[in-house]
Protein backbone atom coordinates (compact mmCIF):
# COMPACT_ATOMS: atom_id res chain seq x y z
CA MET A 1 0.00 0.00 0.00
CA SER A 2 1.33 3.48 -0.88
CA ARG A 3 2.00 6.10 1.73
CA ASN A 4 -0.89 8.26 0.40
CA LYS A 5 -3.33 5.35 0.66
CA GLN A 6 -2.09 4.64 4.19
CA ARG A 7 -2.65 8.27 5.19
CA THR A 8 -6.15 8.22 3.61
CA ALA A 9 -7.11 4.98 5.41
CA ALA A 10 -5.84 6.30 8.73
CA ALA A 11 -7.78 9.54 8.34
CA THR A 12 -10.92 7.63 7.46
CA ASP A 13 -10.56 5.45 10.53
CA ALA A 14 -10.06 8.51 12.72
CA VAL A 15 -13.19 10.19 11.40
CA ALA A 16 -15.20 7.00 11.87
CA ALA A 17 -14.00 6.78 15.44
CA THR A 18 -15.20 10.30 16.24
CA VAL A 19 -18.64 10.09 14.57
CA PRO A 20 -21.22 9.66 17.34
CA THR A 21 -23.33 6.54 17.12
CA THR A 22 -27.14 6.86 17.02
CA PRO A 23 -28.51 5.87 20.44
CA ALA A 24 -30.86 2.89 20.58
CA ALA A 25 -34.55 3.68 20.79
CA PRO A 26 -35.76 3.65 24.41
CA ALA A 27 -37.82 0.72 25.56
CA SER A 28 -41.59 1.21 25.58
CA LEU A 29 -43.01 2.81 28.77
CA SER A 30 -46.29 0.95 28.49
CA TYR A 31 -47.31 -0.62 31.78
CA VAL A 32 -50.13 -3.06 32.35
CA THR A 33 -51.76 -2.46 35.74
CA PRO A 34 -51.90 -5.73 37.66
CA THR A 35 -55.18 -7.11 38.97
CA GLU A 36 -56.08 -9.25 41.96
CA PHE A 37 -58.99 -11.44 42.98
CA VAL A 38 -60.66 -10.18 46.15
CA GLU A 39 -62.58 -12.65 48.28
CA LEU A 40 -66.18 -11.63 48.96
CA PRO A 41 -67.49 -12.04 52.53
CA SER A 42 -70.92 -12.92 51.10
CA ARG A 43 -69.49 -15.64 48.84
CA GLY A 44 -72.02 -14.42 46.30
CA GLN A 45 -74.99 -15.36 48.47
CA PHE A 46 -78.03 -13.12 49.05
CA TYR A 47 -77.76 -11.46 45.64
CA PRO A 48 -80.64 -11.88 43.15
CA THR A 49 -80.00 -14.32 40.32
CA ASP A 50 -79.57 -11.52 37.78
CA HIS A 51 -76.86 -9.77 39.83
CA PRO A 52 -73.30 -10.05 38.37
CA LEU A 53 -71.98 -11.28 41.74
CA HIS A 54 -74.63 -13.94 42.29
CA GLY A 55 -72.83 -17.14 43.30
CA LYS A 56 -69.37 -15.54 42.97
CA ASP A 57 -66.72 -16.12 45.66
CA VAL A 58 -64.31 -13.47 44.36
CA ILE A 59 -64.23 -10.31 42.27
CA GLU A 60 -61.37 -9.13 40.05
CA MET A 61 -60.02 -5.64 40.76
CA ARG A 62 -57.20 -3.52 39.37
CA TYR A 63 -54.51 -2.08 41.61
CA MET A 64 -54.91 1.62 42.33
CA THR A 65 -53.06 3.99 39.99
CA ALA A 66 -52.16 7.68 40.09
CA LYS A 67 -55.21 8.42 37.94
CA ASP A 68 -57.45 6.57 40.41
CA GLU A 69 -55.97 8.66 43.19
CA ASP A 70 -57.25 11.77 41.39
CA ILE A 71 -60.77 10.53 42.12
CA LEU A 72 -60.09 10.62 45.85
CA THR A 73 -58.92 14.25 45.66
CA SER A 74 -61.64 15.55 43.35
CA PRO A 75 -63.49 18.38 45.19
CA ALA A 76 -66.61 17.83 43.08
CA LEU A 77 -66.81 14.10 43.82
CA LEU A 78 -66.00 14.61 47.49
CA LYS A 79 -68.69 17.26 47.84
CA LYS A 80 -71.28 14.95 46.27
CA GLY A 81 -70.11 12.08 48.49
CA ILE A 82 -69.53 9.74 45.55
CA ALA A 83 -65.72 9.58 45.43
CA ILE A 84 -65.52 6.15 47.07
CA ASP A 85 -68.21 4.65 44.82
CA ARG A 86 -66.53 6.12 41.75
CA LEU A 87 -63.22 4.61 42.86
CA ILE A 88 -64.74 1.14 43.19
CA GLN A 89 -66.45 1.51 39.84
CA ASN A 90 -63.07 2.33 38.28
CA LEU A 91 -61.19 -0.54 39.91
CA VAL A 92 -63.65 -3.40 39.39
CA VAL A 93 -62.91 -5.17 36.11
CA ASP A 94 -66.53 -6.23 35.52
CA THR A 95 -68.25 -3.06 34.30
CA ASN A 96 -71.67 -4.53 35.14
CA VAL A 97 -71.00 -4.21 38.87
CA ASN A 98 -72.77 -1.22 40.45
CA PRO A 99 -71.31 -0.04 43.81
CA GLY A 100 -74.81 1.01 44.89
CA ASN A 101 -76.23 -2.50 44.98
CA LEU A 102 -73.20 -4.20 46.52
CA LEU A 103 -73.76 -5.78 49.91
CA ILE A 104 -72.02 -3.55 52.43
CA GLY A 105 -69.63 -6.30 53.55
CA ASP A 106 -68.49 -6.99 50.00
CA LYS A 107 -68.04 -3.28 49.40
CA ASN A 108 -65.89 -3.00 52.53
CA ALA A 109 -63.70 -5.89 51.33
CA MET A 110 -63.17 -4.10 48.02
CA LEU A 111 -62.30 -0.83 49.76
CA LEU A 112 -59.80 -2.67 51.94
CA ALA A 113 -58.15 -4.27 48.90
CA ALA A 114 -58.01 -0.89 47.12
CA ARG A 115 -56.40 0.78 50.13
CA ILE A 116 -53.75 -1.94 50.44
CA SER A 117 -52.88 -1.85 46.73
CA GLY A 118 -52.71 1.95 46.76
CA TYR A 119 -51.02 2.80 50.04
CA GLY A 120 -49.82 -0.44 51.60
CA GLU A 121 -50.85 -2.69 54.47
CA GLN A 122 -49.81 -0.38 57.31
CA TYR A 123 -52.39 2.11 58.58
CA PRO A 124 -50.98 4.44 61.29
CA VAL A 125 -53.57 5.93 63.63
CA ALA A 126 -53.26 8.00 66.80
CA LEU A 127 -55.14 6.16 69.56
CA GLN A 128 -55.91 6.98 73.18
CA CYS A 129 -55.43 4.17 75.68
CA ASN A 130 -58.60 3.37 77.65
CA SER A 131 -56.52 2.39 80.68
CA CYS A 132 -53.94 5.16 81.11
CA GLY A 133 -55.21 7.84 78.74
CA GLU A 134 -51.94 8.14 76.83
CA VAL A 135 -52.16 8.96 73.12
CA ALA A 136 -49.77 7.08 70.87
CA GLN A 137 -49.55 6.02 67.24
CA HIS A 138 -50.50 2.46 66.42
CA ASP A 139 -49.92 0.80 63.08
CA PHE A 140 -52.82 -1.43 62.10
CA ASN A 141 -51.89 -4.19 59.66
CA LEU A 142 -54.80 -4.20 57.21
CA ALA A 143 -53.62 -7.45 55.59
CA GLU A 144 -54.34 -9.30 58.85
CA LEU A 145 -58.05 -8.40 58.94
CA GLN A 146 -60.26 -11.45 58.61
CA LEU A 147 -63.51 -11.98 56.72
CA ASN A 148 -66.68 -12.75 58.64
CA HIS A 149 -69.06 -14.73 56.46
CA GLY A 150 -71.94 -14.18 58.86
CA ILE A 151 -73.76 -16.76 60.95
CA GLN A 152 -75.85 -18.86 58.63
CA PRO A 153 -79.59 -18.99 59.38
CA GLY A 154 -80.48 -21.90 61.63
CA GLU A 155 -77.01 -22.15 63.21
CA GLY A 156 -78.19 -21.68 66.78
CA ASN A 157 -80.32 -18.64 65.98
CA ASN A 158 -83.95 -17.89 65.22
CA VAL A 159 -83.35 -16.54 61.72
CA SER A 160 -84.42 -18.33 58.55
CA LEU A 161 -83.47 -17.61 54.94
CA THR A 162 -86.09 -17.16 52.22
CA GLU A 163 -85.78 -18.15 48.57
CA HIS A 164 -85.52 -14.43 47.73
CA GLY A 165 -82.32 -13.94 49.75
CA THR A 166 -84.10 -12.18 52.60
CA PHE A 167 -84.30 -13.28 56.25
CA ILE A 168 -87.20 -13.89 58.64
CA ALA A 169 -87.04 -13.60 62.43
CA GLU A 170 -89.78 -13.92 65.04
CA LEU A 171 -89.77 -10.94 67.40
CA PRO A 172 -89.63 -12.00 71.08
CA VAL A 173 -92.28 -9.67 72.54
CA THR A 174 -94.93 -9.12 69.86
CA LYS A 175 -94.25 -12.53 68.26
CA PHE A 176 -94.59 -10.80 64.89
CA SER A 177 -92.65 -12.20 61.94
CA ALA A 178 -90.17 -9.63 60.55
CA GLU A 179 -88.66 -10.12 57.10
CA PHE A 180 -85.52 -8.11 56.36
CA ARG A 181 -82.72 -7.86 53.83
CA LEU A 182 -79.04 -7.01 54.07
CA LEU A 183 -77.61 -3.49 53.90
CA THR A 184 -76.24 -2.28 50.55
CA GLY A 185 -74.00 0.61 49.53
CA GLU A 186 -77.06 2.53 48.37
CA ASP A 187 -78.70 2.04 51.79
CA GLU A 188 -75.57 3.30 53.53
CA SER A 189 -75.54 6.47 51.40
CA TYR A 190 -79.25 7.05 52.05
CA LEU A 191 -78.86 6.66 55.82
CA GLN A 192 -75.84 8.98 55.86
CA GLN A 193 -77.70 11.66 53.91
CA SER A 194 -80.72 11.30 56.19
CA ALA A 195 -78.55 11.72 59.28
CA GLU A 196 -76.90 14.82 57.82
CA LYS A 197 -80.30 16.31 57.01
CA LEU A 198 -81.56 15.74 60.57
CA LYS A 199 -78.39 17.33 61.95
CA LYS A 200 -78.73 20.30 59.60
CA TYR A 201 -82.19 21.09 60.95
CA SER A 202 -81.23 20.27 64.58
CA LEU A 203 -83.63 17.33 64.70
CA PRO A 204 -83.12 14.28 66.95
CA GLU A 205 -81.06 11.44 65.56
CA ALA A 206 -83.00 8.40 64.36
CA SER A 207 -80.24 6.07 63.20
CA ALA A 208 -81.64 2.95 64.88
CA THR A 209 -85.18 3.26 63.52
CA SER A 210 -83.99 4.57 60.14
CA LEU A 211 -81.88 1.43 59.64
CA LEU A 212 -84.78 -0.90 60.40
CA LYS A 213 -87.19 1.06 58.20
CA ARG A 214 -84.72 0.74 55.35
CA LEU A 215 -84.11 -3.00 55.74
CA VAL A 216 -87.45 -4.44 56.86
CA VAL A 217 -89.39 -5.84 53.90
CA THR A 218 -92.54 -7.13 55.61
CA ILE A 219 -94.03 -7.43 59.09
CA ASN A 220 -96.41 -10.37 59.45
CA GLY A 221 -96.69 -10.39 55.67
CA VAL A 222 -97.69 -6.70 55.48
CA GLU A 223 -95.69 -4.89 52.76
CA SER A 224 -97.05 -1.34 53.20
CA SER A 225 -94.06 0.93 53.90
CA SER A 226 -96.21 3.36 55.91
CA GLU A 227 -97.56 0.59 58.15
CA ILE A 228 -94.09 -0.90 58.61
CA SER A 229 -92.68 2.54 59.46
CA ASN A 230 -95.42 3.14 62.03
CA PHE A 231 -94.86 -0.28 63.59
CA ILE A 232 -91.09 0.27 63.86
CA ASP A 233 -91.61 3.64 65.57
CA ASN A 234 -93.84 1.98 68.17
CA MET A 235 -92.38 -1.52 68.47
CA PRO A 236 -91.13 -2.65 71.90
CA ALA A 237 -87.49 -1.78 72.49
CA GLN A 238 -86.69 -5.46 73.08
CA ASP A 239 -88.04 -6.36 69.64
CA ALA A 240 -86.06 -3.54 68.00
CA ARG A 241 -82.84 -4.58 69.75
CA PHE A 242 -83.40 -8.23 68.84
CA LEU A 243 -84.03 -7.38 65.19
CA ARG A 244 -80.89 -5.24 64.94
CA ALA A 245 -78.90 -8.11 66.47
CA CYS A 246 -80.36 -10.51 63.88
CA VAL A 247 -79.27 -8.18 61.08
CA GLN A 248 -75.76 -7.99 62.51
CA ILE A 249 -75.17 -11.71 63.03
CA VAL A 250 -76.20 -12.75 59.51
CA THR A 251 -74.39 -9.90 57.74
CA PRO A 252 -71.18 -11.04 56.00
CA ASN A 253 -68.49 -8.40 56.44
CA VAL A 254 -64.84 -7.65 57.16
CA ASP A 255 -63.91 -8.07 60.81
CA MET A 256 -62.27 -4.71 61.45
CA SER A 257 -61.15 -5.48 65.02
CA GLN A 258 -57.55 -6.03 66.09
CA GLU A 259 -55.76 -6.22 69.43
CA VAL A 260 -53.90 -3.04 70.36
CA GLU A 261 -51.20 -2.92 73.04
CA CYS A 262 -50.51 0.40 74.76
CA SER A 263 -46.83 1.34 74.52
CA SER A 264 -47.07 3.16 77.88
CA CYS A 265 -48.89 0.80 80.25
CA GLY A 266 -48.96 -2.43 78.24
CA ALA A 267 -52.75 -2.78 78.38
CA VAL A 268 -54.16 -4.86 75.54
CA THR A 269 -57.51 -3.83 74.10
CA GLU A 270 -59.48 -5.10 71.14
CA MET A 271 -60.35 -2.11 68.95
CA GLU A 272 -61.94 -1.61 65.58
CA VAL A 273 -59.83 -0.09 62.84
CA PRO A 274 -61.11 3.52 62.70
CA PHE A 275 -62.26 4.71 59.29
CA THR A 276 -60.72 8.18 59.45
CA SER A 277 -59.65 10.57 56.68
CA GLU A 278 -56.19 8.95 56.87
CA PHE A 279 -57.56 5.66 55.48
CA PHE A 280 -57.73 6.89 51.88
CA TRP A 281 -56.04 10.24 52.34
CA PRO A 282 -52.80 9.40 54.19
CA GLN A 283 -50.40 12.21 54.91
């Protein structure tokens, strides 16, 4: 090779060495939000046959995302009191599921799963000890909460199940037969709005009777809402207390109680996980 050709080849190699290479295209930023199957306390019982959760043990839900979190901070949705329902509607994979007609226990299980996927299992709350009065932070572990499937009718109680998914109990004093159904998300919203309205106009609270009026379907076969309402207002207190207890024992739900040990005096108390603003709006 001639000297000129050697110089030309060397120069070409030098230029090639200094020319920047084109960077590789970045990997795609697409991200598929994972889902999970949440166990239902009701196991799909007590829903009508045309309900999407009838006979279902679990429901598929997406993990919470940043966009879902926007729902929880929307002033408009918060003011209307529908932020939580809108969140559930967004997270449930089956679009046929309506948060309003979910049994309250199933709805609570979904809210618990959403909270864990969005903010983790630990839920720090400031609690006051019943023994020494000291206030200290306690971290509830939400993943350790257990499901309560409700006491089945006939299991040592005086409640029977109808073919319509309602329950019948004989009241101890009047001996009347009271048919009732389970609480739904829509019922909970109605009762909350009713309580707020009574408070607004400085009227006495009526939470106990309002609940029964909402859930009782018939009394001794009578379906008239006005007659049922009048009976509930005037029923013996023992009957009212018994009926509320029947509703509670057959209601499938999340057991929100955990043992809490005071860091100051060591006293151990069983307490329910408080549903404060920190649950979905942690600092």
